[in-house]
């Protein structure tokens, strides 16, 4: 794994909300809307958390119609 990848993974895991999202995803795929509905944060904030996790290679996004 390149050095940059591990740094982005550590950065992603440094935030409690992102760790909570990863725990939630252990049980299987969820839509971004479903994930956002379980947090007090706004949808754009949760979306940014998901982007950080994607950039670190810790989650994969898949579009199915209107759902991500």
N, C-alpha and C. Protein backbone atom coordinates (compact mmCIF):
# COMPACT_ATOMS: atom_id res chain seq x y z
N UNK A 1 0.85 -1.17 0.00
CA UNK A 1 0.00 0.00 0.00
C UNK A 1 0.90 1.24 0.00
N UNK A 2 0.65 2.19 -0.92
CA UNK A 2 1.45 3.40 -0.95
C UNK A 2 1.28 4.22 0.33
N UNK A 3 2.30 4.98 0.68
CA UNK A 3 2.27 5.79 1.91
C UNK A 3 1.06 6.69 1.95
N UNK A 4 0.71 7.36 0.87
CA UNK A 4 -0.44 8.25 0.84
C UNK A 4 -1.74 7.55 1.19
N UNK A 5 -1.87 6.30 0.76
CA UNK A 5 -3.09 5.55 1.04
C UNK A 5 -3.26 5.30 2.52
N UNK A 6 -2.17 4.92 3.19
CA UNK A 6 -2.30 4.66 4.62
C UNK A 6 -2.58 5.95 5.38
N UNK A 7 -2.00 7.07 4.93
CA UNK A 7 -2.29 8.34 5.58
C UNK A 7 -3.76 8.70 5.44
N UNK A 8 -4.34 8.50 4.26
CA UNK A 8 -5.75 8.83 4.08
C UNK A 8 -6.64 7.87 4.88
N UNK A 9 -6.22 6.63 5.03
CA UNK A 9 -6.99 5.69 5.85
C UNK A 9 -6.95 6.10 7.32
N UNK A 10 -5.78 6.48 7.81
CA UNK A 10 -5.68 6.94 9.20
C UNK A 10 -6.51 8.20 9.41
N UNK A 11 -6.45 9.11 8.44
CA UNK A 11 -7.25 10.34 8.54
C UNK A 11 -8.74 10.01 8.58
N UNK A 12 -9.15 9.08 7.74
CA UNK A 12 -10.56 8.69 7.69
C UNK A 12 -10.99 8.06 9.01
N UNK A 13 -10.13 7.24 9.59
CA UNK A 13 -10.49 6.54 10.83
C UNK A 13 -10.36 7.41 12.07
N UNK A 14 -9.78 8.59 11.94
CA UNK A 14 -9.59 9.48 13.08
C UNK A 14 -10.89 10.10 13.56
N UNK A 15 -11.93 10.07 12.74
CA UNK A 15 -13.19 10.70 13.08
C UNK A 15 -14.22 9.67 13.57
N UNK A 16 -14.85 9.96 14.69
CA UNK A 16 -15.82 9.03 15.29
C UNK A 16 -17.00 8.75 14.36
N UNK A 17 -17.50 9.77 13.69
CA UNK A 17 -18.65 9.57 12.79
C UNK A 17 -18.29 8.60 11.68
N UNK A 18 -17.10 8.73 11.12
CA UNK A 18 -16.70 7.81 10.05
C UNK A 18 -16.53 6.40 10.58
N UNK A 19 -16.02 6.25 11.80
CA UNK A 19 -15.93 4.90 12.39
C UNK A 19 -17.34 4.33 12.61
N UNK A 20 -18.28 5.18 13.02
CA UNK A 20 -19.66 4.73 13.21
C UNK A 20 -20.27 4.29 11.87
N UNK A 21 -19.99 5.03 10.81
CA UNK A 21 -20.49 4.67 9.48
C UNK A 21 -19.93 3.30 9.07
N UNK A 22 -18.66 3.08 9.28
CA UNK A 22 -18.05 1.78 8.94
C UNK A 22 -18.69 0.65 9.74
N UNK A 23 -18.95 0.88 11.02
CA UNK A 23 -19.62 -0.15 11.83
C UNK A 23 -21.00 -0.46 11.26
N UNK A 24 -21.71 0.58 10.86
CA UNK A 24 -23.05 0.41 10.29
C UNK A 24 -22.99 -0.42 9.01
N UNK A 25 -21.95 -0.20 8.22
CA UNK A 25 -21.83 -0.90 6.93
C UNK A 25 -21.36 -2.34 7.06
N UNK A 26 -20.95 -2.74 8.24
CA UNK A 26 -20.54 -4.14 8.45
C UNK A 26 -21.68 -5.11 8.15
N UNK A 27 -22.91 -4.67 8.39
CA UNK A 27 -24.06 -5.56 8.20
C UNK A 27 -24.51 -5.63 6.74
N UNK A 28 -23.93 -4.78 5.90
CA UNK A 28 -24.29 -4.81 4.48
C UNK A 28 -24.44 -3.42 3.91
N UNK A 29 -24.69 -3.36 2.60
CA UNK A 29 -24.80 -2.07 1.92
C UNK A 29 -25.99 -1.26 2.45
N UNK A 30 -25.82 0.05 2.41
CA UNK A 30 -26.90 0.98 2.78
C UNK A 30 -26.83 2.16 1.83
N UNK A 31 -27.97 2.79 1.62
CA UNK A 31 -27.97 3.99 0.79
C UNK A 31 -27.38 5.15 1.59
N UNK A 32 -26.90 6.15 0.87
CA UNK A 32 -26.36 7.32 1.56
C UNK A 32 -27.45 8.01 2.38
N UNK A 33 -28.68 8.00 1.87
CA UNK A 33 -29.80 8.59 2.62
C UNK A 33 -30.09 7.85 3.91
N UNK A 34 -30.00 6.53 3.88
CA UNK A 34 -30.21 5.72 5.08
C UNK A 34 -29.12 6.02 6.11
N UNK A 35 -27.89 6.11 5.64
CA UNK A 35 -26.79 6.42 6.55
C UNK A 35 -26.99 7.79 7.16
N UNK A 36 -27.32 8.78 6.33
CA UNK A 36 -27.50 10.16 6.82
C UNK A 36 -28.64 10.25 7.83
N UNK A 37 -29.68 9.46 7.65
CA UNK A 37 -30.84 9.53 8.54
C UNK A 37 -30.52 9.07 9.96
N UNK A 38 -29.43 8.37 10.14
CA UNK A 38 -29.06 7.84 11.45
C UNK A 38 -28.14 8.77 12.24
N UNK A 39 -27.85 9.95 11.69
CA UNK A 39 -26.97 10.90 12.35
C UNK A 39 -27.67 12.24 12.50
N UNK A 40 -27.26 13.01 13.49
CA UNK A 40 -27.80 14.34 13.71
C UNK A 40 -27.22 15.36 12.74
N UNK A 41 -26.15 15.00 12.05
CA UNK A 41 -25.50 15.90 11.11
C UNK A 41 -26.37 16.10 9.87
N UNK A 42 -26.10 17.18 9.13
CA UNK A 42 -26.82 17.42 7.88
C UNK A 42 -26.37 16.40 6.83
N UNK A 43 -27.20 16.24 5.77
CA UNK A 43 -26.84 15.29 4.73
C UNK A 43 -25.53 15.67 4.07
N UNK A 44 -25.28 16.96 3.76
CA UNK A 44 -23.98 17.30 3.15
C UNK A 44 -22.78 16.92 4.03
N UNK A 45 -22.92 17.03 5.34
CA UNK A 45 -21.83 16.65 6.24
C UNK A 45 -21.59 15.15 6.18
N UNK A 46 -22.65 14.36 6.21
CA UNK A 46 -22.51 12.91 6.11
C UNK A 46 -21.95 12.53 4.74
N UNK A 47 -22.38 13.23 3.70
CA UNK A 47 -21.87 12.98 2.36
C UNK A 47 -20.37 13.21 2.30
N UNK A 48 -19.89 14.25 2.97
CA UNK A 48 -18.44 14.51 3.00
C UNK A 48 -17.71 13.39 3.74
N UNK A 49 -18.30 12.91 4.85
CA UNK A 49 -17.69 11.78 5.57
C UNK A 49 -17.58 10.57 4.65
N UNK A 50 -18.62 10.31 3.87
CA UNK A 50 -18.59 9.18 2.94
C UNK A 50 -17.53 9.39 1.86
N UNK A 51 -17.35 10.61 1.41
CA UNK A 51 -16.33 10.90 0.41
C UNK A 51 -14.93 10.63 0.97
N UNK A 52 -14.70 11.00 2.21
CA UNK A 52 -13.39 10.74 2.84
C UNK A 52 -13.15 9.24 2.93
N UNK A 53 -14.18 8.48 3.30
CA UNK A 53 -14.05 7.03 3.39
C UNK A 53 -13.79 6.42 2.01
N UNK A 54 -14.46 6.94 0.98
CA UNK A 54 -14.23 6.45 -0.39
C UNK A 54 -12.81 6.76 -0.85
N UNK A 55 -12.36 7.99 -0.61
CA UNK A 55 -11.02 8.39 -1.02
C UNK A 55 -9.94 7.54 -0.34
N UNK A 56 -10.23 7.08 0.87
CA UNK A 56 -9.28 6.24 1.60
C UNK A 56 -9.38 4.78 1.19
N UNK A 57 -10.34 4.45 0.32
CA UNK A 57 -10.51 3.08 -0.13
C UNK A 57 -11.19 2.19 0.90
N UNK A 58 -11.91 2.81 1.85
CA UNK A 58 -12.55 2.02 2.91
C UNK A 58 -13.99 1.67 2.59
N UNK A 59 -14.62 2.38 1.67
CA UNK A 59 -15.97 2.05 1.20
C UNK A 59 -16.02 2.23 -0.31
N UNK A 60 -17.01 1.61 -0.91
CA UNK A 60 -17.23 1.72 -2.36
C UNK A 60 -18.65 2.22 -2.56
N UNK A 61 -18.80 3.18 -3.46
CA UNK A 61 -20.13 3.69 -3.78
C UNK A 61 -20.62 3.04 -5.05
N UNK A 62 -21.89 2.71 -5.07
CA UNK A 62 -22.50 2.10 -6.24
C UNK A 62 -23.85 2.77 -6.47
N UNK A 63 -24.09 3.23 -7.67
CA UNK A 63 -25.36 3.89 -7.98
C UNK A 63 -26.33 2.86 -8.56
N UNK A 64 -27.54 2.87 -8.02
CA UNK A 64 -28.64 2.04 -8.56
C UNK A 64 -29.83 2.96 -8.73
N UNK A 65 -30.05 3.42 -9.95
CA UNK A 65 -31.12 4.39 -10.20
C UNK A 65 -30.82 5.68 -9.48
N UNK A 66 -31.70 6.08 -8.56
CA UNK A 66 -31.54 7.31 -7.81
C UNK A 66 -30.76 7.10 -6.51
N UNK A 67 -30.51 5.86 -6.16
CA UNK A 67 -29.83 5.56 -4.87
C UNK A 67 -28.34 5.39 -5.07
N UNK A 68 -27.59 5.85 -4.03
CA UNK A 68 -26.15 5.64 -4.02
C UNK A 68 -25.80 4.84 -2.79
